[in-house]
Amino acid sequence: MDTASLSFWAAKLAGQMILPPNGPMLVALLGLLLVRRWPRTGRTLGFIGVGTLLTLCLPVVAMVLTVIVTDARALPPDAKVQADAIVILGAGIRTDAAEYGGDTLTQMGLERVRYGAVLAKRLELPVATAGGVVYDGRPEGDVMAEALEREFGVKVRWRETASRNTRQNARNLAGVLAPEKIRHIVVVTHGVDTRRARRELEAAGFTVVMAPTVVQPFAVGAVWDFVPSMNALRVSSLALYEVLGNLKATWDGVP
């Protein structure tokens, strides 16, 4: 395994150990292991772990975290955009989907592809898909392109299929699009991913117009916003993943 791959998998493992639910659960487990010998420390760690996990399950907390990491609003349906192309960033695939006879898009991937198709027809711009093989299966760029062409009737002009993260998306896209003088792009991703995607793509030399889908507004209006849910935990985890990604980008010197 080369240095780049080792670094990639080390970062993935570290993220899995830190992010919920694993991170808080490991803190609580450590508390249980220590409670007999150091009761106060053990109980404190147990309460911290369980309390953190419970807090991240609250929809209101998920909303706050999402708003913090999102730096773009939804593109108005009648917006006039000056750009050379639309870029749709990958969001993972579901491998060996029996009902499709092979790999298909995840829920987030489908949300991006659907919105990208809407924009492509509205703005009449050529489309690029970006995403390689992260764990296993086919490249995301190919799976997205096939869904766009077969299911939404949108032709894909470029496919970037060698990347495993957003930074590689940006650098590889520059290699694909720069020779054709494509520098002004509309970027389709999720609201929670806008800050990091913008930073990486601008660092690669692009001028970007963010076109996020699923932009979370901060609107607390129901008692259910204070009732723990699995979906809120998922959203909190996505937001915290972006926090870590932005911290790493800052550490690496990305503007």
C-alpha atoms as a PDB file:
ATOM      1  CA  MET A   1       0.000   0.000   0.000  1.00  0.00           C
ATOM      2  CA  ASP A   2       1.445   3.381  -1.030  1.00  0.00           C
ATOM      3  CA  THR A   3       1.653   6.438   1.215  1.00  0.00           C
ATOM      4  CA  ALA A   4      -1.385   8.135  -0.327  1.00  0.00           C
ATOM      5  CA  SER A   5      -3.587   5.083   0.201  1.00  0.00           C
ATOM      6  CA  LEU A   6      -2.310   4.619   3.738  1.00  0.00           C
ATOM      7  CA  SER A   7      -3.109   8.250   4.541  1.00  0.00           C
ATOM      8  CA  PHE A   8      -6.567   7.914   2.990  1.00  0.00           C
ATOM      9  CA  TRP A   9      -7.510   4.836   4.994  1.00  0.00           C
ATOM     10  CA  ALA A  10      -6.020   6.240   8.203  1.00  0.00           C
ATOM     11  CA  ALA A  11      -8.181   9.356   7.804  1.00  0.00           C
ATOM     12  CA  LYS A  12     -11.261   7.236   7.114  1.00  0.00           C
ATOM     13  CA  LEU A  13     -10.634   5.092  10.198  1.00  0.00           C
ATOM     14  CA  ALA A  14     -10.010   8.125  12.397  1.00  0.00           C
ATOM     15  CA  GLY A  15     -13.217   9.706  11.176  1.00  0.00           C
ATOM     16  CA  GLN A  16     -15.216   6.571  11.935  1.00  0.00           C
ATOM     17  CA  MET A  17     -13.808   6.455  15.451  1.00  0.00           C
ATOM     18  CA  ILE A  18     -14.557  10.123  16.145  1.00  0.00           C
ATOM     19  CA  LEU A  19     -17.907  10.666  14.470  1.00  0.00           C
ATOM     20  CA  PRO A  20     -21.214   9.533  15.976  1.00  0.00           C
ATOM     21  CA  PRO A  21     -22.365   7.041  16.891  1.00  0.00           C
ATOM     22  CA  ASN A  22     -18.941   5.409  17.359  1.00  0.00           C
ATOM     23  CA  GLY A  23     -17.174   8.336  19.051  1.00  0.00           C
ATOM     24  CA  PRO A  24     -19.686   8.933  21.864  1.00  0.00           C
ATOM     25  CA  MET A  25     -20.186   5.189  22.324  1.00  0.00           C
ATOM     26  CA  LEU A  26     -16.452   4.624  22.735  1.00  0.00           C
ATOM     27  CA  VAL A  27     -16.314   7.377  25.367  1.00  0.00           C
ATOM     28  CA  ALA A  28     -19.205   5.757  27.252  1.00  0.00           C
ATOM     29  CA  LEU A  29     -17.572   2.315  26.962  1.00  0.00           C
ATOM     30  CA  LEU A  30     -14.313   3.689  28.332  1.00  0.00           C
ATOM     31  CA  GLY A  31     -16.290   5.071  31.257  1.00  0.00           C
ATOM     32  CA  LEU A  32     -17.762   1.643  31.973  1.00  0.00           C
ATOM     33  CA  LEU A  33     -14.312   0.091  31.906  1.00  0.00           C
ATOM     34  CA  LEU A  34     -12.949   2.661  34.374  1.00  0.00           C
ATOM     35  CA  VAL A  35     -15.913   2.964  36.729  1.00  0.00           C
ATOM     36  CA  ARG A  36     -14.795   0.236  39.153  1.00  0.00           C
ATOM     37  CA  ARG A  37     -11.276   1.567  39.665  1.00  0.00           C
ATOM     38  CA  TRP A  38     -11.987   5.280  39.198  1.00  0.00           C
ATOM     39  CA  PRO A  39     -15.724   5.686  39.883  1.00  0.00           C
ATOM     40  CA  ARG A  40     -15.933   9.443  39.396  1.00  0.00           C
ATOM     41  CA  THR A  41     -13.957   9.457  36.142  1.00  0.00           C
ATOM     42  CA  GLY A  42     -15.846   6.443  34.840  1.00  0.00           C
ATOM     43  CA  ARG A  43     -19.261   7.924  35.599  1.00  0.00           C
ATOM     44  CA  THR A  44     -18.239  11.265  34.082  1.00  0.00           C
ATOM     45  CA  LEU A  45     -17.099   9.661  30.840  1.00  0.00           C
ATOM     46  CA  GLY A  46     -20.249   7.538  30.738  1.00  0.00           C
ATOM     47  CA  PHE A  47     -22.494  10.580  31.106  1.00  0.00           C
ATOM     48  CA  ILE A  48     -20.470  12.507  28.514  1.00  0.00           C
ATOM     49  CA  GLY A  49     -20.710   9.678  25.976  1.00  0.00           C
ATOM     50  CA  VAL A  50     -24.419   9.001  26.432  1.00  0.00           C
ATOM     51  CA  GLY A  51     -25.259  12.694  26.753  1.00  0.00           C
ATOM     52  CA  THR A  52     -23.373  13.594  23.583  1.00  0.00           C
ATOM     53  CA  LEU A  53     -25.050  10.830  21.611  1.00  0.00           C
ATOM     54  CA  LEU A  54     -28.480  11.852  22.881  1.00  0.00           C
ATOM     55  CA  THR A  55     -27.812  15.513  22.093  1.00  0.00           C
ATOM     56  CA  LEU A  56     -26.742  14.726  18.533  1.00  0.00           C
ATOM     57  CA  CYS A  57     -30.013  12.811  18.069  1.00  0.00           C
ATOM     58  CA  LEU A  58     -32.028  16.007  18.581  1.00  0.00           C
ATOM     59  CA  PRO A  59     -33.340  17.535  15.320  1.00  0.00           C
ATOM     60  CA  VAL A  60     -32.732  21.051  16.641  1.00  0.00           C
ATOM     61  CA  VAL A  61     -29.051  20.240  17.201  1.00  0.00           C
ATOM     62  CA  ALA A  62     -28.778  18.692  13.745  1.00  0.00           C
ATOM     63  CA  MET A  63     -30.254  21.893  12.278  1.00  0.00           C
ATOM     64  CA  VAL A  64     -27.759  24.082  14.125  1.00  0.00           C
ATOM     65  CA  LEU A  65     -24.771  21.994  13.023  1.00  0.00           C
ATOM     66  CA  THR A  66     -25.961  21.949   9.416  1.00  0.00           C
ATOM     67  CA  VAL A  67     -26.468  25.712   9.302  1.00  0.00           C
ATOM     68  CA  ILE A  68     -22.951  26.218  10.705  1.00  0.00           C
ATOM     69  CA  VAL A  69     -21.241  24.262   7.912  1.00  0.00           C
ATOM     70  CA  THR A  70     -23.464  25.454   5.045  1.00  0.00           C
ATOM     71  CA  ASP A  71     -22.265  28.608   3.274  1.00  0.00           C
ATOM     72  CA  ALA A  72     -24.602  28.772   0.268  1.00  0.00           C
ATOM     73  CA  ARG A  73     -28.310  29.274  -0.243  1.00  0.00           C
ATOM     74  CA  ALA A  74     -30.440  27.366  -2.708  1.00  0.00           C
ATOM     75  CA  LEU A  75     -30.181  28.719  -6.238  1.00  0.00           C
ATOM     76  CA  PRO A  76     -33.469  30.490  -7.112  1.00  0.00           C
ATOM     77  CA  PRO A  77     -35.404  28.670  -9.878  1.00  0.00           C
ATOM     78  CA  ASP A  78     -35.276  31.786 -12.084  1.00  0.00           C
ATOM     79  CA  ALA A  79     -31.608  32.607 -11.396  1.00  0.00           C
ATOM     80  CA  LYS A  80     -29.524  33.778 -14.354  1.00  0.00           C
ATOM     81  CA  VAL A  81     -26.172  31.994 -14.187  1.00  0.00           C
ATOM     82  CA  GLN A  82     -23.054  32.675 -16.221  1.00  0.00           C
ATOM     83  CA  ALA A  83     -21.045  29.454 -16.379  1.00  0.00           C
ATOM     84  CA  ASP A  84     -19.383  27.027 -18.766  1.00  0.00           C
ATOM     85  CA  ALA A  85     -20.565  23.727 -17.284  1.00  0.00           C
ATOM     86  CA  ILE A  86     -22.398  21.967 -14.466  1.00  0.00           C
ATOM     87  CA  VAL A  87     -20.396  19.694 -12.163  1.00  0.00           C
ATOM     88  CA  ILE A  88     -22.205  17.104 -10.036  1.00  0.00           C
ATOM     89  CA  LEU A  89     -20.143  15.758  -7.150  1.00  0.00           C
ATOM     90  CA  GLY A  90     -20.572  12.138  -6.098  1.00  0.00           C
ATOM     91  CA  ALA A  91     -22.231  11.078  -2.853  1.00  0.00           C
ATOM     92  CA  GLY A  92     -21.555   7.348  -2.784  1.00  0.00           C
ATOM     93  CA  ILE A  93     -23.101   4.316  -4.418  1.00  0.00           C
ATOM     94  CA  ARG A  94     -25.012   1.279  -3.207  1.00  0.00           C
ATOM     95  CA  THR A  95     -23.223  -1.791  -4.505  1.00  0.00           C
ATOM     96  CA  ASP A  96     -24.870  -4.946  -5.808  1.00  0.00           C
ATOM     97  CA  ALA A  97     -28.421  -3.567  -5.632  1.00  0.00           C
ATOM     98  CA  ALA A  98     -30.495  -6.643  -6.480  1.00  0.00           C
ATOM     99  CA  GLU A  99     -33.445  -4.682  -7.866  1.00  0.00           C
ATOM    100  CA  TYR A 100     -31.167  -2.838 -10.303  1.00  0.00           C
ATOM    101  CA  GLY A 101     -28.925  -5.760 -11.170  1.00  0.00           C
ATOM    102  CA  GLY A 102     -25.797  -3.938 -10.057  1.00  0.00           C
ATOM    103  CA  ASP A 103     -24.505  -0.757  -8.467  1.00  0.00           C
ATOM    104  CA  THR A 104     -26.840   2.204  -8.095  1.00  0.00           C
ATOM    105  CA  LEU A 105     -26.941   5.618  -6.433  1.00  0.00           C
ATOM    106  CA  THR A 106     -27.412   6.249  -2.751  1.00  0.00           C
ATOM    107  CA  GLN A 107     -30.238   8.526  -1.618  1.00  0.00           C
ATOM    108  CA  MET A 108     -27.876  11.499  -1.490  1.00  0.00           C
ATOM    109  CA  GLY A 109     -26.384  10.617  -4.852  1.00  0.00           C
ATOM    110  CA  LEU A 110     -29.836  10.448  -6.423  1.00  0.00           C
ATOM    111  CA  GLU A 111     -30.782  13.809  -4.909  1.00  0.00           C
ATOM    112  CA  ARG A 112     -27.746  15.409  -6.507  1.00  0.00           C
ATOM    113  CA  VAL A 113     -28.268  13.738  -9.870  1.00  0.00           C
ATOM    114  CA  ARG A 114     -31.922  14.705  -9.998  1.00  0.00           C
ATOM    115  CA  TYR A 115     -31.187  18.340  -9.220  1.00  0.00           C
ATOM    116  CA  GLY A 116     -28.267  18.340 -11.635  1.00  0.00           C
ATOM    117  CA  ALA A 117     -30.621  17.123 -14.359  1.00  0.00           C
ATOM    118  CA  VAL A 118     -33.073  19.924 -13.580  1.00  0.00           C
ATOM    119  CA  LEU A 119     -30.297  22.514 -13.801  1.00  0.00           C
ATOM    120  CA  ALA A 120     -28.872  21.043 -17.013  1.00  0.00           C
ATOM    121  CA  LYS A 121     -32.241  21.405 -18.749  1.00  0.00           C
ATOM    122  CA  ARG A 122     -32.910  24.836 -17.284  1.00  0.00           C
ATOM    123  CA  LEU A 123     -29.486  26.369 -17.927  1.00  0.00           C
ATOM    124  CA  GLU A 124     -28.656  24.372 -21.077  1.00  0.00           C
ATOM    125  CA  LEU A 125     -25.087  23.711 -19.948  1.00  0.00           C
ATOM    126  CA  PRO A 126     -22.910  20.615 -20.504  1.00  0.00           C
ATOM    127  CA  VAL A 127     -22.565  18.285 -17.512  1.00  0.00           C
ATOM    128  CA  ALA A 128     -19.634  16.638 -15.744  1.00  0.00           C
ATOM    129  CA  THR A 129     -19.928  13.961 -13.070  1.00  0.00           C
ATOM    130  CA  ALA A 130     -17.187  13.416 -10.502  1.00  0.00           C
ATOM    131  CA  GLY A 131     -16.438  10.426  -8.297  1.00  0.00           C
ATOM    132  CA  GLY A 132     -14.304   7.317  -8.337  1.00  0.00           C
ATOM    133  CA  VAL A 133     -14.253   4.091  -6.306  1.00  0.00           C
ATOM    134  CA  VAL A 134     -14.097   4.850  -2.594  1.00  0.00           C
ATOM    135  CA  TYR A 135     -14.509   1.382  -1.087  1.00  0.00           C
ATOM    136  CA  ASP A 136     -15.628  -1.007  -3.820  1.00  0.00           C
ATOM    137  CA  GLY A 137     -18.014  -1.209  -6.760  1.00  0.00           C
ATOM    138  CA  ARG A 138     -17.997   0.907  -9.897  1.00  0.00           C
ATOM    139  CA  PRO A 139     -16.802   4.525 -10.163  1.00  0.00           C
ATOM    140  CA  GLU A 140     -19.427   6.981  -8.939  1.00  0.00           C
ATOM    141  CA  GLY A 141     -18.922   9.191 -11.986  1.00  0.00           C
ATOM    142  CA  ASP A 142     -20.007   6.365 -14.284  1.00  0.00           C
ATOM    143  CA  VAL A 143     -23.030   5.362 -12.179  1.00  0.00           C
ATOM    144  CA  MET A 144     -24.190   8.989 -11.985  1.00  0.00           C
ATOM    145  CA  ALA A 145     -23.701   9.513 -15.714  1.00  0.00           C
ATOM    146  CA  GLU A 146     -25.728   6.430 -16.578  1.00  0.00           C
ATOM    147  CA  ALA A 147     -28.585   7.523 -14.320  1.00  0.00           C
ATOM    148  CA  LEU A 148     -28.569  10.995 -15.864  1.00  0.00           C
ATOM    149  CA  GLU A 149     -28.648   9.663 -19.405  1.00  0.00           C
ATOM    150  CA  ARG A 150     -31.018   6.717 -19.006  1.00  0.00           C
ATOM    151  CA  GLU A 151     -33.416   7.996 -16.353  1.00  0.00           C
ATOM    152  CA  PHE A 152     -33.361  11.779 -16.789  1.00  0.00           C
ATOM    153  CA  GLY A 153     -32.488  12.175 -20.463  1.00  0.00           C
ATOM    154  CA  VAL A 154     -29.445  14.380 -19.796  1.00  0.00           C
ATOM    155  CA  LYS A 155     -26.271  13.781 -21.765  1.00  0.00           C
ATOM    156  CA  VAL A 156     -23.045  13.761 -19.736  1.00  0.00           C
ATOM    157  CA  ARG A 157     -20.059  15.253 -21.535  1.00  0.00           C
ATOM    158  CA  TRP A 158     -17.305  14.551 -18.985  1.00  0.00           C
ATOM    159  CA  ARG A 159     -16.788  11.824 -16.389  1.00  0.00           C
ATOM    160  CA  GLU A 160     -14.164  12.088 -13.659  1.00  0.00           C
ATOM    161  CA  THR A 161     -13.815   8.587 -12.244  1.00  0.00           C
ATOM    162  CA  ALA A 162     -10.501   8.437 -10.356  1.00  0.00           C
ATOM    163  CA  SER A 163     -11.178  10.464  -7.186  1.00  0.00           C
ATOM    164  CA  ARG A 164     -11.920   9.240  -3.659  1.00  0.00           C
ATOM    165  CA  ASN A 165     -12.674  12.519  -1.903  1.00  0.00           C
ATOM    166  CA  THR A 166     -13.593  16.153  -2.585  1.00  0.00           C
ATOM    167  CA  ARG A 167      -9.986  17.340  -2.936  1.00  0.00           C
ATOM    168  CA  GLN A 168      -9.284  14.710  -5.564  1.00  0.00           C
ATOM    169  CA  ASN A 169     -12.606  15.603  -7.237  1.00  0.00           C
ATOM    170  CA  ALA A 170     -11.379  19.179  -7.622  1.00  0.00           C
ATOM    171  CA  ARG A 171      -7.877  18.377  -8.825  1.00  0.00           C
ATOM    172  CA  ASN A 172      -8.976  15.707 -11.281  1.00  0.00           C
ATOM    173  CA  LEU A 173     -11.770  17.894 -12.642  1.00  0.00           C
ATOM    174  CA  ALA A 174      -9.203  20.609 -13.301  1.00  0.00           C
ATOM    175  CA  GLY A 175      -7.248  18.098 -15.369  1.00  0.00           C
ATOM    176  CA  VAL A 176     -10.371  17.118 -17.315  1.00  0.00           C
ATOM    177  CA  LEU A 177     -11.956  20.552 -17.835  1.00  0.00           C
ATOM    178  CA  ALA A 178      -8.997  22.947 -18.059  1.00  0.00           C
ATOM    179  CA  PRO A 179      -7.881  21.687 -21.506  1.00  0.00           C
ATOM    180  CA  GLU A 180     -11.316  22.713 -22.800  1.00  0.00           C
ATOM    181  CA  LYS A 181     -11.112  26.155 -21.157  1.00  0.00           C
ATOM    182  CA  ILE A 182     -13.841  25.278 -18.645  1.00  0.00           C
ATOM    183  CA  ARG A 183     -13.250  27.392 -15.533  1.00  0.00           C
ATOM    184  CA  HIS A 184     -16.642  28.839 -14.548  1.00  0.00           C
ATOM    185  CA  ILE A 185     -18.768  26.006 -13.175  1.00  0.00           C
ATOM    186  CA  VAL A 186     -22.064  25.436 -11.411  1.00  0.00           C
ATOM    187  CA  VAL A 187     -21.462  22.927  -8.628  1.00  0.00           C
ATOM    188  CA  VAL A 188     -24.205  20.558  -7.480  1.00  0.00           C
ATOM    189  CA  THR A 189     -23.751  19.105  -4.033  1.00  0.00           C
ATOM    190  CA  HIS A 190     -25.651  19.048  -0.721  1.00  0.00           C
ATOM    191  CA  GLY A 191     -26.001  22.159   1.382  1.00  0.00           C
ATOM    192  CA  VAL A 192     -23.950  20.588   4.148  1.00  0.00           C
ATOM    193  CA  ASP A 193     -21.045  20.060   1.723  1.00  0.00           C
ATOM    194  CA  THR A 194     -20.951  23.541   0.174  1.00  0.00           C
ATOM    195  CA  ARG A 195     -18.211  25.155   2.253  1.00  0.00           C
ATOM    196  CA  ARG A 196     -15.613  22.439   1.725  1.00  0.00           C
ATOM    197  CA  ALA A 197     -16.549  21.842  -1.933  1.00  0.00           C
ATOM    198  CA  ARG A 198     -16.216  25.543  -2.692  1.00  0.00           C
ATOM    199  CA  ARG A 199     -12.820  25.762  -0.996  1.00  0.00           C
ATOM    200  CA  GLU A 200     -11.365  22.759  -2.791  1.00  0.00           C
ATOM    201  CA  LEU A 201     -12.696  23.707  -6.228  1.00  0.00           C
ATOM    202  CA  GLU A 202     -11.554  27.318  -5.962  1.00  0.00           C
ATOM    203  CA  ALA A 203      -8.127  26.102  -4.833  1.00  0.00           C
ATOM    204  CA  ALA A 204      -8.032  23.996  -8.017  1.00  0.00           C
ATOM    205  CA  GLY A 205      -8.558  27.136 -10.102  1.00  0.00           C
ATOM    206  CA  PHE A 206     -12.309  27.160 -10.723  1.00  0.00           C
ATOM    207  CA  THR A 207     -14.744  30.031 -10.371  1.00  0.00           C
ATOM    208  CA  VAL A 208     -17.794  28.423  -8.799  1.00  0.00           C
ATOM    209  CA  VAL A 209     -21.489  29.057  -8.428  1.00  0.00           C
ATOM    210  CA  MET A 210     -22.792  26.744  -5.719  1.00  0.00           C
ATOM    211  CA  ALA A 211     -26.115  25.073  -6.497  1.00  0.00           C
ATOM    212  CA  PRO A 212     -26.843  23.044  -3.370  1.00  0.00           C
ATOM    213  CA  THR A 213     -29.695  20.645  -2.930  1.00  0.00           C
ATOM    214  CA  VAL A 214     -31.313  19.873   0.451  1.00  0.00           C
ATOM    215  CA  VAL A 215     -30.421  23.179   2.096  1.00  0.00           C
ATOM    216  CA  GLN A 216     -31.432  22.961   5.761  1.00  0.00           C
ATOM    217  CA  PRO A 217     -33.218  26.074   7.051  1.00  0.00           C
ATOM    218  CA  PHE A 218     -33.124  26.821  10.759  1.00  0.00           C
ATOM    219  CA  ALA A 219     -36.795  26.681  11.642  1.00  0.00           C
ATOM    220  CA  VAL A 220     -37.775  25.329  15.045  1.00  0.00           C
ATOM    221  CA  GLY A 221     -41.510  25.101  15.227  1.00  0.00           C
ATOM    222  CA  ALA A 222     -42.595  21.764  16.608  1.00  0.00           C
ATOM    223  CA  VAL A 223     -42.138  19.699  19.727  1.00  0.00           C
ATOM    224  CA  TRP A 224     -40.660  16.951  17.544  1.00  0.00           C
ATOM    225  CA  ASP A 225     -37.610  19.149  16.991  1.00  0.00           C
ATOM    226  CA  PHE A 226     -36.648  18.271  20.586  1.00  0.00           C
ATOM    227  CA  VAL A 227     -37.356  14.532  20.356  1.00  0.00           C
ATOM    228  CA  PRO A 228     -34.362  12.289  19.498  1.00  0.00           C
ATOM    229  CA  SER A 229     -34.469  10.577  16.109  1.00  0.00           C
ATOM    230  CA  MET A 230     -32.169   8.430  14.008  1.00  0.00           C
ATOM    231  CA  ASN A 231     -32.456  10.808  11.060  1.00  0.00           C
ATOM    232  CA  ALA A 232     -31.246  13.693  13.225  1.00  0.00           C
ATOM    233  CA  LEU A 233     -28.247  11.608  14.281  1.00  0.00           C
ATOM    234  CA  ARG A 234     -27.458  10.938  10.614  1.00  0.00           C
ATOM    235  CA  VAL A 235     -27.654  14.644   9.777  1.00  0.00           C
ATOM    236  CA  SER A 236     -25.529  15.561  12.802  1.00  0.00           C
ATOM    237  CA  SER A 237     -22.920  13.024  11.720  1.00  0.00           C
ATOM    238  CA  LEU A 238     -22.830  14.466   8.185  1.00  0.00           C
ATOM    239  CA  ALA A 239     -22.390  17.984   9.552  1.00  0.00           C
ATOM    240  CA  LEU A 240     -19.605  16.924  11.922  1.00  0.00           C
ATOM    241  CA  TYR A 241     -17.920  15.073   9.057  1.00  0.00           C
ATOM    242  CA  GLU A 242     -17.830  18.371   7.173  1.00  0.00           C
ATOM    243  CA  VAL A 243     -16.462  20.161  10.245  1.00  0.00           C
ATOM    244  CA  LEU A 244     -13.572  17.682  10.324  1.00  0.00           C
ATOM    245  CA  GLY A 245     -13.096  18.008   6.569  1.00  0.00           C
ATOM    246  CA  ASN A 246     -12.905  21.790   6.784  1.00  0.00           C
ATOM    247  CA  LEU A 247     -10.456  21.621   9.664  1.00  0.00           C
ATOM    248  CA  LYS A 248      -8.233  19.309   7.618  1.00  0.00           C
ATOM    249  CA  ALA A 249      -8.475  21.628   4.626  1.00  0.00           C
ATOM    250  CA  THR A 250      -7.407  24.553   6.809  1.00  0.00           C
ATOM    251  CA  TRP A 251      -4.522  22.487   8.201  1.00  0.00           C
ATOM    252  CA  ASP A 252      -3.439  21.682   4.648  1.00  0.00           C
ATOM    253  CA  GLY A 253      -3.466  25.361   3.713  1.00  0.00           C
ATOM    254  CA  VAL A 254      -6.581  25.445   1.532  1.00  0.00           C
ATOM    255  CA  PRO A 255      -7.935  29.041   1.516  1.00  0.00           C
END
